[in-house]
Amino acid sequence: MKTLFSSAYFGSIEYYAAWVQAENPVIDIHENYQKQTYRSRAYIGGANGALALNVPVRHIGRGGVEHQNMVNATTSVEFRWAKEHFRSLETAYRTSPYFEFYEDAVKTLYFSDDVERLLDVNIKAHKIVCHLLGIDENFSTTEEYISTPNDAVDMRNAFLPKKSTETNFEPYTQVFEVKNGFLPNLSILDLIFCIGGREALEYLKNVKLAL
């Protein structure tokens, strides 16, 4: 059976644990954008704790930002958010064991001309993650929006930054762990930079999801 996911901006560890454990994962590219979700937000491990990287999304028309289809949602590129986000990643993970090995792959997102449409950003970020994990980059996407699918497990709103999760995450060594303690369920990039892509995939397979 298919498992339906929203797109995500370097989604959480729980998101990717569900992804690699799903039999047939599919990204919904026709849903409406929802603010304050992983569709435009990622949390990394900074010196002072969890740091939110927010992609600014442009408001269009009277309907407001949340009434935009993901296909039409665009970023506010004049804020130079892409380069600022990469600088934040450098600051947070420069001393991590694997940052230098994966830096160039991640950098391709932030220094490309293709960061205006949010969906393009998320799809490219997801392909980078798939590449670093060593899993299939040729994933499926939806052809239309279906509010209540009867042929799929619907996880489009299963992963929310402000919603606590009951999933247990085995601690791994993080850059600022001595100062901040272990911070669970950060962006998948935290896991990859800290333990490497191959080990990250095994970690994700062993997460016991509580969704």
C-alpha atoms as a PDB file:
ATOM      1  CA  MET A   1       0.000   0.000   0.000  1.00  0.00           C
ATOM      2  CA  LYS A   2       1.105   3.574  -0.672  1.00  0.00           C
ATOM      3  CA  THR A   3       2.115   5.913   2.133  1.00  0.00           C
ATOM      4  CA  LEU A   4       1.363   9.552   1.424  1.00  0.00           C
ATOM      5  CA  PHE A   5       3.843  12.188   2.630  1.00  0.00           C
ATOM      6  CA  SER A   6       3.958  15.952   2.359  1.00  0.00           C
ATOM      7  CA  SER A   7       7.113  17.398   0.857  1.00  0.00           C
ATOM      8  CA  ALA A   8       9.591  18.624   3.452  1.00  0.00           C
ATOM      9  CA  TYR A   9      12.548  20.980   3.676  1.00  0.00           C
ATOM     10  CA  PHE A  10      15.272  18.587   4.897  1.00  0.00           C
ATOM     11  CA  GLY A  11      12.603  16.830   6.977  1.00  0.00           C
ATOM     12  CA  SER A  12      12.885  15.481  10.489  1.00  0.00           C
ATOM     13  CA  ILE A  13      14.481  12.188  11.470  1.00  0.00           C
ATOM     14  CA  GLU A  14      11.017  10.803  12.236  1.00  0.00           C
ATOM     15  CA  TYR A  15       9.841  11.794   8.742  1.00  0.00           C
ATOM     16  CA  TYR A  16      12.707   9.897   7.137  1.00  0.00           C
ATOM     17  CA  ALA A  17      12.354   6.901   9.452  1.00  0.00           C
ATOM     18  CA  ALA A  18       8.760   6.619   8.234  1.00  0.00           C
ATOM     19  CA  TRP A  19       9.912   7.133   4.652  1.00  0.00           C
ATOM     20  CA  VAL A  20      12.513   4.351   4.609  1.00  0.00           C
ATOM     21  CA  GLN A  21      10.174   1.989   6.448  1.00  0.00           C
ATOM     22  CA  ALA A  22       7.237   2.633   4.095  1.00  0.00           C
ATOM     23  CA  GLU A  23       6.579   0.049   1.400  1.00  0.00           C
ATOM     24  CA  ASN A  24       5.599   2.568  -1.290  1.00  0.00           C
ATOM     25  CA  PRO A  25       6.210   6.203  -0.225  1.00  0.00           C
ATOM     26  CA  VAL A  26       4.611   8.965  -2.326  1.00  0.00           C
ATOM     27  CA  ILE A  27       4.994  12.754  -2.024  1.00  0.00           C
ATOM     28  CA  ASP A  28       1.833  14.842  -2.410  1.00  0.00           C
ATOM     29  CA  ILE A  29       2.814  17.749  -4.645  1.00  0.00           C
ATOM     30  CA  HIS A  30      -0.739  19.071  -5.038  1.00  0.00           C
ATOM     31  CA  GLU A  31      -1.712  19.763  -1.424  1.00  0.00           C
ATOM     32  CA  ASN A  32      -2.007  23.276  -0.010  1.00  0.00           C
ATOM     33  CA  TYR A  33       0.991  24.845   1.676  1.00  0.00           C
ATOM     34  CA  GLN A  34       0.776  24.945   5.470  1.00  0.00           C
ATOM     35  CA  LYS A  35       2.915  27.410   7.391  1.00  0.00           C
ATOM     36  CA  GLN A  36       4.905  26.530  10.512  1.00  0.00           C
ATOM     37  CA  THR A  37       5.399  22.951   9.319  1.00  0.00           C
ATOM     38  CA  TYR A  38       8.331  20.952   7.983  1.00  0.00           C
ATOM     39  CA  ARG A  39       7.233  21.983   4.491  1.00  0.00           C
ATOM     40  CA  SER A  40       9.252  25.162   5.013  1.00  0.00           C
ATOM     41  CA  ARG A  41      11.090  24.622   8.287  1.00  0.00           C
ATOM     42  CA  ALA A  42      13.989  22.477   9.507  1.00  0.00           C
ATOM     43  CA  TYR A  43      15.603  22.267  12.940  1.00  0.00           C
ATOM     44  CA  ILE A  44      19.354  21.841  13.287  1.00  0.00           C
ATOM     45  CA  GLY A  45      21.596  21.489  16.335  1.00  0.00           C
ATOM     46  CA  GLY A  46      23.144  24.874  17.048  1.00  0.00           C
ATOM     47  CA  ALA A  47      25.462  26.033  19.818  1.00  0.00           C
ATOM     48  CA  ASN A  48      22.489  27.282  21.847  1.00  0.00           C
ATOM     49  CA  GLY A  49      20.156  24.362  21.165  1.00  0.00           C
ATOM     50  CA  ALA A  50      17.713  23.602  18.376  1.00  0.00           C
ATOM     51  CA  LEU A  51      17.818  26.282  15.684  1.00  0.00           C
ATOM     52  CA  ALA A  52      14.945  26.727  13.227  1.00  0.00           C
ATOM     53  CA  LEU A  53      15.788  27.341   9.572  1.00  0.00           C
ATOM     54  CA  ASN A  54      12.667  28.912   8.065  1.00  0.00           C
ATOM     55  CA  VAL A  55      12.172  29.278   4.323  1.00  0.00           C
ATOM     56  CA  PRO A  56      10.280  32.557   3.829  1.00  0.00           C
ATOM     57  CA  VAL A  57       7.187  31.990   1.679  1.00  0.00           C
ATOM     58  CA  ARG A  58       5.679  34.840  -0.298  1.00  0.00           C
ATOM     59  CA  HIS A  59       2.105  35.929   0.457  1.00  0.00           C
ATOM     60  CA  ILE A  60      -0.006  36.102  -2.686  1.00  0.00           C
ATOM     61  CA  GLY A  61      -3.505  37.593  -2.913  1.00  0.00           C
ATOM     62  CA  ARG A  62      -6.289  37.752  -0.337  1.00  0.00           C
ATOM     63  CA  GLY A  63      -6.322  34.052   0.389  1.00  0.00           C
ATOM     64  CA  GLY A  64      -3.131  34.264   2.402  1.00  0.00           C
ATOM     65  CA  VAL A  65      -0.089  32.057   2.287  1.00  0.00           C
ATOM     66  CA  GLU A  66      -1.906  28.898   3.445  1.00  0.00           C
ATOM     67  CA  HIS A  67      -4.377  28.967   0.546  1.00  0.00           C
ATOM     68  CA  GLN A  68      -1.637  28.409  -1.991  1.00  0.00           C
ATOM     69  CA  ASN A  69      -1.184  25.081  -3.682  1.00  0.00           C
ATOM     70  CA  MET A  70       2.341  23.767  -3.123  1.00  0.00           C
ATOM     71  CA  VAL A  71       2.884  23.965  -6.864  1.00  0.00           C
ATOM     72  CA  ASN A  72       2.369  27.743  -6.669  1.00  0.00           C
ATOM     73  CA  ALA A  73       4.054  28.566  -3.340  1.00  0.00           C
ATOM     74  CA  THR A  74       7.155  30.694  -3.910  1.00  0.00           C
ATOM     75  CA  THR A  75       9.950  31.779  -1.606  1.00  0.00           C
ATOM     76  CA  SER A  76      10.942  35.345  -0.865  1.00  0.00           C
ATOM     77  CA  VAL A  77      14.313  35.128  -2.567  1.00  0.00           C
ATOM     78  CA  GLU A  78      15.122  38.774  -1.849  1.00  0.00           C
ATOM     79  CA  PHE A  79      15.750  37.733   1.788  1.00  0.00           C
ATOM     80  CA  ARG A  80      18.801  35.761   0.631  1.00  0.00           C
ATOM     81  CA  TRP A  81      17.578  32.935   2.849  1.00  0.00           C
ATOM     82  CA  ALA A  82      19.422  30.189   0.960  1.00  0.00           C
ATOM     83  CA  LYS A  83      22.928  31.494   1.605  1.00  0.00           C
ATOM     84  CA  GLU A  84      22.003  32.363   5.208  1.00  0.00           C
ATOM     85  CA  HIS A  85      20.770  28.814   5.789  1.00  0.00           C
ATOM     86  CA  PHE A  86      23.966  27.333   4.399  1.00  0.00           C
ATOM     87  CA  ARG A  87      26.054  29.591   6.641  1.00  0.00           C
ATOM     88  CA  SER A  88      24.017  28.341   9.613  1.00  0.00           C
ATOM     89  CA  LEU A  89      24.709  24.741   8.573  1.00  0.00           C
ATOM     90  CA  GLU A  90      28.424  25.516   8.287  1.00  0.00           C
ATOM     91  CA  THR A  91      28.480  27.079  11.756  1.00  0.00           C
ATOM     92  CA  ALA A  92      26.579  24.191  13.321  1.00  0.00           C
ATOM     93  CA  TYR A  93      28.302  21.263  11.595  1.00  0.00           C
ATOM     94  CA  ARG A  94      31.751  22.319  10.421  1.00  0.00           C
ATOM     95  CA  THR A  95      33.328  20.209  13.177  1.00  0.00           C
ATOM     96  CA  SER A  96      30.995  17.217  12.715  1.00  0.00           C
ATOM     97  CA  PRO A  97      32.593  13.985  11.440  1.00  0.00           C
ATOM     98  CA  TYR A  98      30.918  13.990   8.008  1.00  0.00           C
ATOM     99  CA  PHE A  99      30.192  17.598   7.063  1.00  0.00           C
ATOM    100  CA  GLU A 100      33.196  17.908   4.767  1.00  0.00           C
ATOM    101  CA  PHE A 101      32.225  14.719   2.922  1.00  0.00           C
ATOM    102  CA  TYR A 102      28.668  15.892   2.189  1.00  0.00           C
ATOM    103  CA  GLU A 103      29.136  19.662   2.056  1.00  0.00           C
ATOM    104  CA  ASP A 104      29.317  19.875  -1.741  1.00  0.00           C
ATOM    105  CA  ALA A 105      26.169  17.792  -2.237  1.00  0.00           C
ATOM    106  CA  VAL A 106      24.139  19.933   0.162  1.00  0.00           C
ATOM    107  CA  LYS A 107      25.646  23.130  -1.231  1.00  0.00           C
ATOM    108  CA  THR A 108      24.113  22.429  -4.648  1.00  0.00           C
ATOM    109  CA  LEU A 109      20.705  23.366  -3.233  1.00  0.00           C
ATOM    110  CA  TYR A 110      21.750  26.647  -1.662  1.00  0.00           C
ATOM    111  CA  PHE A 111      23.882  27.987  -4.466  1.00  0.00           C
ATOM    112  CA  SER A 112      21.603  27.140  -7.386  1.00  0.00           C
ATOM    113  CA  ASP A 113      19.204  29.433  -9.227  1.00  0.00           C
ATOM    114  CA  ASP A 114      16.349  27.042  -8.532  1.00  0.00           C
ATOM    115  CA  VAL A 115      15.233  28.218  -5.072  1.00  0.00           C
ATOM    116  CA  GLU A 116      12.228  30.361  -5.993  1.00  0.00           C
ATOM    117  CA  ARG A 117       9.489  27.717  -5.895  1.00  0.00           C
ATOM    118  CA  LEU A 118       9.138  26.000  -2.518  1.00  0.00           C
ATOM    119  CA  LEU A 119       8.220  22.640  -4.017  1.00  0.00           C
ATOM    120  CA  ASP A 120      11.383  22.670  -6.158  1.00  0.00           C
ATOM    121  CA  VAL A 121      13.442  23.397  -3.038  1.00  0.00           C
ATOM    122  CA  ASN A 122      11.828  20.521  -1.136  1.00  0.00           C
ATOM    123  CA  ILE A 123      12.100  18.008  -3.967  1.00  0.00           C
ATOM    124  CA  LYS A 124      15.742  18.868  -4.552  1.00  0.00           C
ATOM    125  CA  ALA A 125      16.454  18.642  -0.801  1.00  0.00           C
ATOM    126  CA  HIS A 126      14.745  15.245  -0.711  1.00  0.00           C
ATOM    127  CA  LYS A 127      16.803  13.965  -3.643  1.00  0.00           C
ATOM    128  CA  ILE A 128      19.979  15.096  -1.881  1.00  0.00           C
ATOM    129  CA  VAL A 129      18.932  13.192   1.243  1.00  0.00           C
ATOM    130  CA  CYS A 130      18.101  10.081  -0.797  1.00  0.00           C
ATOM    131  CA  HIS A 131      21.530  10.290  -2.425  1.00  0.00           C
ATOM    132  CA  LEU A 132      23.344  10.651   0.902  1.00  0.00           C
ATOM    133  CA  LEU A 133      21.374   7.777   2.440  1.00  0.00           C
ATOM    134  CA  GLY A 134      21.946   5.587  -0.597  1.00  0.00           C
ATOM    135  CA  ILE A 135      18.254   5.006  -1.350  1.00  0.00           C
ATOM    136  CA  ASP A 136      16.244   5.363  -4.562  1.00  0.00           C
ATOM    137  CA  GLU A 137      16.002   8.973  -5.744  1.00  0.00           C
ATOM    138  CA  ASN A 138      13.235   8.095  -8.242  1.00  0.00           C
ATOM    139  CA  PHE A 139      10.284   8.362  -5.862  1.00  0.00           C
ATOM    140  CA  SER A 140       6.612   8.729  -6.791  1.00  0.00           C
ATOM    141  CA  THR A 141       4.535  11.917  -6.625  1.00  0.00           C
ATOM    142  CA  THR A 142       0.777  12.456  -6.754  1.00  0.00           C
ATOM    143  CA  GLU A 143      -1.113  13.406  -9.904  1.00  0.00           C
ATOM    144  CA  GLU A 144      -3.897  15.252  -8.075  1.00  0.00           C
ATOM    145  CA  TYR A 145      -5.003  16.232  -4.587  1.00  0.00           C
ATOM    146  CA  ILE A 146      -7.256  13.787  -2.743  1.00  0.00           C
ATOM    147  CA  SER A 147      -8.540  14.959   0.623  1.00  0.00           C
ATOM    148  CA  THR A 148      -9.216  11.504   2.088  1.00  0.00           C
ATOM    149  CA  PRO A 149      -7.395   8.803   0.144  1.00  0.00           C
ATOM    150  CA  ASN A 150      -8.777   5.277   0.552  1.00  0.00           C
ATOM    151  CA  ASP A 151      -5.830   3.531  -1.063  1.00  0.00           C
ATOM    152  CA  ALA A 152      -2.997   5.018   0.995  1.00  0.00           C
ATOM    153  CA  VAL A 153      -1.749   5.553   4.539  1.00  0.00           C
ATOM    154  CA  ASP A 154      -2.027   9.325   4.994  1.00  0.00           C
ATOM    155  CA  MET A 155       1.011  10.808   6.757  1.00  0.00           C
ATOM    156  CA  ARG A 156       0.809  14.288   5.264  1.00  0.00           C
ATOM    157  CA  ASN A 157       0.150  15.836   8.673  1.00  0.00           C
ATOM    158  CA  ALA A 158       1.790  13.227  10.873  1.00  0.00           C
ATOM    159  CA  PHE A 159       4.983  15.225  11.413  1.00  0.00           C
ATOM    160  CA  LEU A 160       4.531  18.652  12.994  1.00  0.00           C
ATOM    161  CA  PRO A 161       7.236  20.776  14.652  1.00  0.00           C
ATOM    162  CA  LYS A 162       4.941  21.916  17.466  1.00  0.00           C
ATOM    163  CA  LYS A 163       3.494  18.473  18.119  1.00  0.00           C
ATOM    164  CA  SER A 164       5.385  16.268  20.574  1.00  0.00           C
ATOM    165  CA  THR A 165       6.148  12.778  19.363  1.00  0.00           C
ATOM    166  CA  GLU A 166       6.064   9.520  21.285  1.00  0.00           C
ATOM    167  CA  THR A 167       8.682   7.980  19.000  1.00  0.00           C
ATOM    168  CA  ASN A 168      11.848   7.051  20.880  1.00  0.00           C
ATOM    169  CA  PHE A 169      15.144   8.124  19.309  1.00  0.00           C
ATOM    170  CA  GLU A 170      18.347   6.301  20.217  1.00  0.00           C
ATOM    171  CA  PRO A 171      20.946   8.939  21.192  1.00  0.00           C
ATOM    172  CA  TYR A 172      23.920   9.469  18.879  1.00  0.00           C
ATOM    173  CA  THR A 173      26.862  11.830  19.322  1.00  0.00           C
ATOM    174  CA  GLN A 174      25.950  15.408  18.342  1.00  0.00           C
ATOM    175  CA  VAL A 175      28.254  18.401  17.882  1.00  0.00           C
ATOM    176  CA  PHE A 176      27.038  20.389  20.903  1.00  0.00           C
ATOM    177  CA  GLU A 177      25.841  17.476  23.021  1.00  0.00           C
ATOM    178  CA  VAL A 178      28.129  18.328  25.946  1.00  0.00           C
ATOM    179  CA  LYS A 179      26.540  21.771  26.175  1.00  0.00           C
ATOM    180  CA  ASN A 180      22.931  21.060  25.214  1.00  0.00           C
ATOM    181  CA  GLY A 181      22.411  17.392  25.897  1.00  0.00           C
ATOM    182  CA  PHE A 182      20.990  15.093  23.217  1.00  0.00           C
ATOM    183  CA  LEU A 183      18.429  16.826  20.971  1.00  0.00           C
ATOM    184  CA  PRO A 184      16.110  14.238  19.367  1.00  0.00           C
ATOM    185  CA  ASN A 185      14.328  14.411  16.038  1.00  0.00           C
ATOM    186  CA  LEU A 186      16.241  17.259  14.427  1.00  0.00           C
ATOM    187  CA  SER A 187      16.578  17.582  10.671  1.00  0.00           C
ATOM    188  CA  ILE A 188      17.847  14.500   8.866  1.00  0.00           C
ATOM    189  CA  LEU A 189      20.975  16.540   8.102  1.00  0.00           C
ATOM    190  CA  ASP A 190      21.950  16.427  11.772  1.00  0.00           C
ATOM    191  CA  LEU A 191      21.921  12.631  11.721  1.00  0.00           C
ATOM    192  CA  ILE A 192      23.783  12.420   8.408  1.00  0.00           C
ATOM    193  CA  PHE A 193      26.487  14.944   9.343  1.00  0.00           C
ATOM    194  CA  CYS A 194      27.024  13.313  12.741  1.00  0.00           C
ATOM    195  CA  ILE A 195      27.085   9.588  11.896  1.00  0.00           C
ATOM    196  CA  GLY A 196      27.327   9.379   8.092  1.00  0.00           C
ATOM    197  CA  GLY A 197      24.835   8.441   5.390  1.00  0.00           C
ATOM    198  CA  ARG A 198      25.239   4.666   5.550  1.00  0.00           C
ATOM    199  CA  GLU A 199      24.916   4.532   9.340  1.00  0.00           C
ATOM    200  CA  ALA A 200      22.047   7.025   9.199  1.00  0.00           C
ATOM    201  CA  LEU A 201      20.075   4.676   6.949  1.00  0.00           C
ATOM    202  CA  GLU A 202      20.517   1.809   9.417  1.00  0.00           C
ATOM    203  CA  TYR A 203      19.513   4.119  12.261  1.00  0.00           C
ATOM    204  CA  LEU A 204      16.303   5.104  10.430  1.00  0.00           C
ATOM    205  CA  LYS A 205      15.407   1.488   9.718  1.00  0.00           C
ATOM    206  CA  ASN A 206      15.627   0.701  13.431  1.00  0.00           C
ATOM    207  CA  VAL A 207      13.523   3.609  14.724  1.00  0.00           C
ATOM    208  CA  LYS A 208      10.368   2.251  16.359  1.00  0.00           C
ATOM    209  CA  LEU A 209       7.773   4.721  15.135  1.00  0.00           C
ATOM    210  CA  ALA A 210       4.872   5.747  17.366  1.00  0.00           C
ATOM    211  CA  LEU A 211       2.593   7.590  14.977  1.00  0.00           C
END
